[in-house]
Amino acid sequence: MAGDRQRRVLEAKAQQRGLEFAEMEAIAFSYTSIKEYVTPPQLADQIVFLASPRCRTISGQAISICGDTQMLA
């Protein structure tokens, strides 16, 4: 999810690997099918939908909110 914590994690990884932040961010996005951060409003929209009557036919599912991350960089 987008935010300060994500930025700090990627900055630390970039520093460990001797990379610029943008390079580390590109590497991280290379492991996702959706090449963008999940924002707090997007997450809130998903929660509201899942808690709504429109979602009454979904049961026992694992709903991913990570942009389809396949692997952590």
N, C-alpha and C. Protein backbone atom coordinates (compact mmCIF):
# COMPACT_ATOMS: atom_id res chain seq x y z
N MET A 1 0.85 -1.17 0.00
CA MET A 1 0.00 0.00 0.00
C MET A 1 0.89 1.23 0.00
N ALA A 2 0.46 2.25 -0.66
CA ALA A 2 1.20 3.50 -0.73
C ALA A 2 1.29 4.12 0.65
N GLY A 3 2.39 4.76 0.92
CA GLY A 3 2.52 5.46 2.19
C GLY A 3 3.95 5.53 2.67
N ASP A 4 4.10 6.17 3.83
CA ASP A 4 5.42 6.40 4.40
C ASP A 4 6.15 5.10 4.71
N ARG A 5 5.44 4.12 5.24
CA ARG A 5 6.10 2.85 5.58
C ARG A 5 6.67 2.17 4.34
N GLN A 6 5.90 2.14 3.26
CA GLN A 6 6.36 1.54 2.02
C GLN A 6 7.59 2.27 1.49
N ARG A 7 7.56 3.59 1.55
CA ARG A 7 8.70 4.38 1.09
C ARG A 7 9.94 4.04 1.92
N ARG A 8 9.78 3.96 3.24
CA ARG A 8 10.93 3.65 4.10
C ARG A 8 11.51 2.27 3.81
N VAL A 9 10.64 1.29 3.58
CA VAL A 9 11.09 -0.06 3.26
C VAL A 9 11.89 -0.06 1.96
N LEU A 10 11.35 0.59 0.93
CA LEU A 10 12.06 0.62 -0.35
C LEU A 10 13.34 1.43 -0.27
N GLU A 11 13.34 2.51 0.50
CA GLU A 11 14.57 3.30 0.67
C GLU A 11 15.65 2.47 1.34
N ALA A 12 15.28 1.70 2.37
CA ALA A 12 16.25 0.86 3.06
C ALA A 12 16.80 -0.22 2.14
N LYS A 13 15.92 -0.84 1.35
CA LYS A 13 16.37 -1.86 0.41
C LYS A 13 17.28 -1.26 -0.66
N ALA A 14 16.94 -0.08 -1.14
CA ALA A 14 17.77 0.59 -2.14
C ALA A 14 19.15 0.88 -1.56
N GLN A 15 19.19 1.37 -0.36
CA GLN A 15 20.47 1.68 0.28
C GLN A 15 21.31 0.41 0.46
N GLN A 16 20.69 -0.68 0.89
CA GLN A 16 21.41 -1.94 1.07
C GLN A 16 22.00 -2.45 -0.24
N ARG A 17 21.29 -2.20 -1.34
CA ARG A 17 21.72 -2.70 -2.65
C ARG A 17 22.53 -1.69 -3.45
N GLY A 18 22.69 -0.48 -2.91
CA GLY A 18 23.43 0.55 -3.62
C GLY A 18 22.68 1.08 -4.83
N LEU A 19 21.35 1.16 -4.72
CA LEU A 19 20.51 1.62 -5.83
C LEU A 19 19.83 2.93 -5.47
N GLU A 20 19.36 3.62 -6.49
CA GLU A 20 18.51 4.79 -6.29
C GLU A 20 17.11 4.29 -5.93
N PHE A 21 16.35 5.14 -5.24
CA PHE A 21 14.99 4.77 -4.85
C PHE A 21 14.16 4.34 -6.06
N ALA A 22 14.22 5.12 -7.15
CA ALA A 22 13.41 4.83 -8.34
C ALA A 22 13.76 3.46 -8.91
N GLU A 23 15.02 3.08 -8.86
CA GLU A 23 15.42 1.76 -9.36
C GLU A 23 14.81 0.66 -8.49
N MET A 24 14.87 0.84 -7.18
CA MET A 24 14.32 -0.16 -6.26
C MET A 24 12.81 -0.25 -6.41
N GLU A 25 12.17 0.89 -6.59
CA GLU A 25 10.72 0.91 -6.79
C GLU A 25 10.36 0.17 -8.09
N ALA A 26 11.13 0.38 -9.15
CA ALA A 26 10.88 -0.32 -10.41
C ALA A 26 11.05 -1.82 -10.25
N ILE A 27 12.06 -2.23 -9.49
CA ILE A 27 12.26 -3.66 -9.22
C ILE A 27 11.05 -4.22 -8.47
N ALA A 28 10.61 -3.51 -7.44
CA ALA A 28 9.45 -3.97 -6.66
C ALA A 28 8.22 -4.10 -7.55
N PHE A 29 7.97 -3.10 -8.41
CA PHE A 29 6.81 -3.15 -9.30
C PHE A 29 6.95 -4.24 -10.36
N SER A 30 8.17 -4.66 -10.66
CA SER A 30 8.34 -5.71 -11.67
C SER A 30 7.76 -7.04 -11.19
N TYR A 31 7.53 -7.17 -9.89
CA TYR A 31 6.97 -8.40 -9.34
C TYR A 31 5.46 -8.31 -9.13
N THR A 32 4.83 -7.27 -9.68
CA THR A 32 3.38 -7.11 -9.56
C THR A 32 2.76 -7.00 -10.94
N SER A 33 1.55 -7.48 -11.09
CA SER A 33 0.88 -7.33 -12.38
C SER A 33 0.23 -5.96 -12.51
N ILE A 34 -0.13 -5.36 -11.39
CA ILE A 34 -0.69 -4.01 -11.38
C ILE A 34 0.44 -3.09 -10.94
N LYS A 35 0.95 -2.31 -11.84
CA LYS A 35 2.18 -1.53 -11.62
C LYS A 35 1.92 -0.19 -10.93
N GLU A 36 1.24 -0.23 -9.82
CA GLU A 36 0.99 0.99 -9.05
C GLU A 36 0.72 0.63 -7.60
N TYR A 37 0.84 1.62 -6.74
CA TYR A 37 0.55 1.42 -5.32
C TYR A 37 -0.95 1.31 -5.10
N VAL A 38 -1.33 0.53 -4.11
CA VAL A 38 -2.71 0.51 -3.64
C VAL A 38 -2.83 1.66 -2.64
N THR A 39 -3.74 2.57 -2.89
CA THR A 39 -3.88 3.75 -2.04
C THR A 39 -4.89 3.49 -0.92
N PRO A 40 -4.80 4.25 0.16
CA PRO A 40 -5.80 4.09 1.23
C PRO A 40 -7.25 4.22 0.75
N PRO A 41 -7.58 5.19 -0.13
CA PRO A 41 -8.97 5.23 -0.61
C PRO A 41 -9.38 3.98 -1.39
N GLN A 42 -8.45 3.40 -2.16
CA GLN A 42 -8.77 2.16 -2.87
C GLN A 42 -9.03 1.02 -1.89
N LEU A 43 -8.24 0.95 -0.86
CA LEU A 43 -8.42 -0.07 0.17
C LEU A 43 -9.77 0.12 0.87
N ALA A 44 -10.08 1.37 1.19
CA ALA A 44 -11.37 1.66 1.83
C ALA A 44 -12.54 1.26 0.94
N ASP A 45 -12.41 1.53 -0.36
CA ASP A 45 -13.47 1.13 -1.30
C ASP A 45 -13.67 -0.38 -1.28
N GLN A 46 -12.58 -1.13 -1.23
CA GLN A 46 -12.68 -2.59 -1.21
C GLN A 46 -13.37 -3.06 0.07
N ILE A 47 -13.01 -2.46 1.18
CA ILE A 47 -13.61 -2.84 2.47
C ILE A 47 -15.11 -2.54 2.46
N VAL A 48 -15.48 -1.36 1.98
CA VAL A 48 -16.90 -0.99 1.93
C VAL A 48 -17.66 -1.97 1.04
N PHE A 49 -17.08 -2.32 -0.10
CA PHE A 49 -17.75 -3.28 -0.99
C PHE A 49 -17.91 -4.64 -0.30
N LEU A 50 -16.84 -5.13 0.31
CA LEU A 50 -16.90 -6.45 0.95
C LEU A 50 -17.88 -6.49 2.12
N ALA A 51 -18.09 -5.33 2.76
CA ALA A 51 -19.02 -5.26 3.89
C ALA A 51 -20.46 -4.96 3.45
N SER A 52 -20.64 -4.73 2.17
CA SER A 52 -21.96 -4.32 1.68
C SER A 52 -22.81 -5.53 1.27
N PRO A 53 -24.11 -5.31 1.14
CA PRO A 53 -24.99 -6.38 0.67
C PRO A 53 -24.65 -6.83 -0.75
N ARG A 54 -24.00 -5.97 -1.55
CA ARG A 54 -23.64 -6.34 -2.92
C ARG A 54 -22.63 -7.49 -2.94
N CYS A 55 -22.02 -7.74 -1.82
CA CYS A 55 -20.99 -8.78 -1.74
C CYS A 55 -21.51 -10.04 -1.05
N ARG A 56 -22.81 -10.16 -0.91
CA ARG A 56 -23.39 -11.24 -0.13
C ARG A 56 -23.14 -12.63 -0.70
N THR A 57 -22.81 -12.73 -1.99
CA THR A 57 -22.59 -14.06 -2.57
C THR A 57 -21.13 -14.50 -2.52
N ILE A 58 -20.26 -13.67 -1.98
CA ILE A 58 -18.85 -14.04 -1.83
C ILE A 58 -18.67 -14.59 -0.42
N SER A 59 -18.14 -15.81 -0.34
CA SER A 59 -17.92 -16.40 0.98
C SER A 59 -16.65 -17.23 0.96
N GLY A 60 -15.91 -17.16 2.02
CA GLY A 60 -14.73 -18.01 2.19
C GLY A 60 -13.64 -17.77 1.17
N GLN A 61 -13.46 -16.55 0.72
CA GLN A 61 -12.47 -16.24 -0.28
C GLN A 61 -11.30 -15.47 0.32
N ALA A 62 -10.13 -15.68 -0.24
CA ALA A 62 -8.97 -14.85 0.09
C ALA A 62 -8.93 -13.74 -0.95
N ILE A 63 -9.17 -12.53 -0.53
CA ILE A 63 -9.21 -11.39 -1.44
C ILE A 63 -7.88 -10.64 -1.32
N SER A 64 -7.12 -10.62 -2.38
CA SER A 64 -5.82 -9.96 -2.39
C SER A 64 -5.98 -8.47 -2.62
N ILE A 65 -5.26 -7.68 -1.85
CA ILE A 65 -5.30 -6.22 -2.00
C ILE A 65 -3.91 -5.67 -2.30
N CYS A 66 -3.03 -6.51 -2.78
CA CYS A 66 -1.62 -6.14 -2.91
C CYS A 66 -1.19 -5.81 -4.33
N GLY A 67 -2.12 -5.62 -5.26
CA GLY A 67 -1.72 -5.35 -6.63
C GLY A 67 -1.20 -6.59 -7.33
N ASP A 68 -1.57 -7.75 -6.83
CA ASP A 68 -1.13 -9.04 -7.35
C ASP A 68 0.39 -9.20 -7.27
N THR A 69 0.93 -8.95 -6.10
CA THR A 69 2.37 -9.13 -5.88
C THR A 69 2.71 -10.61 -5.93
N GLN A 70 3.64 -10.97 -6.80
CA GLN A 70 4.05 -12.36 -6.98
C GLN A 70 5.24 -12.71 -6.09
N MET A 71 6.05 -11.71 -5.76
CA MET A 71 7.26 -11.95 -4.98
C MET A 71 7.72 -10.62 -4.41
N LEU A 72 8.32 -10.64 -3.24
CA LEU A 72 8.86 -9.41 -2.67
C LEU A 72 10.28 -9.21 -3.17
N ALA A 73 10.59 -7.98 -3.53
CA ALA A 73 11.92 -7.66 -4.06
C ALA A 73 12.95 -7.66 -2.98
